[in-house]
């Protein structure tokens, strides 16, 4: 990602704790590269007389870090890896992932069709160029533009996502409507939310992804 899109590609829109963890992990990886480089330089300098202990020491000193790397790679940012249900938020962990997968390719910092961005809570509720049609109207899903657009037939030019793109399932659409009906909060925890039984499968699917 960094090579193709630039050094800030992975962290630019990540939540602050996640971005810090990614940056720290990146620095740690670079430190391993530096250690290996210095180790190989030392090995070439120390070529003959005193070596046996030092040449065997060098691999031992550099072997623990590779063993640690898988553990760090398996648990990158602390905000991401399977948090306890008490740490999960309805907007951040259920609604935003669906928007990122199916809406944010056209509604982000680089490309905001209709002057609408959906990559943050604040910009989503702010809406786009038509101030009369708010993307999210707290407590009123049927008045919310996002719900109106999802409900249109797939071949309607105003339907979102556009025909041919990955669509919301009925359960995912119902989950968005439920979230708006409940007040469209960005602080409501999953454990405190009274999610209807018929939406539990959709919730589990989003959290799994």
Foldseek 3Di string as FASTA:
>chain_A
DCVVPNDCVVPPLDPPQLNVLQVVLVVVVVVLVVLVVVLVVVCVVPPDDPPPVSVVVSCVVSVVVVVCVVVCVVCGGVLDDPDDLQSAWCCVQAVLLVCVQFPQVQADPVHRVQQAHDSDLVRQQCDGDPNCAGQADALDLVSHLVLVLCPDPQCPCSRPPHRPTDHDDPLSSVSVSVCRNNGVDRGHGPVNDPDDPVNVVSSVVSNVD
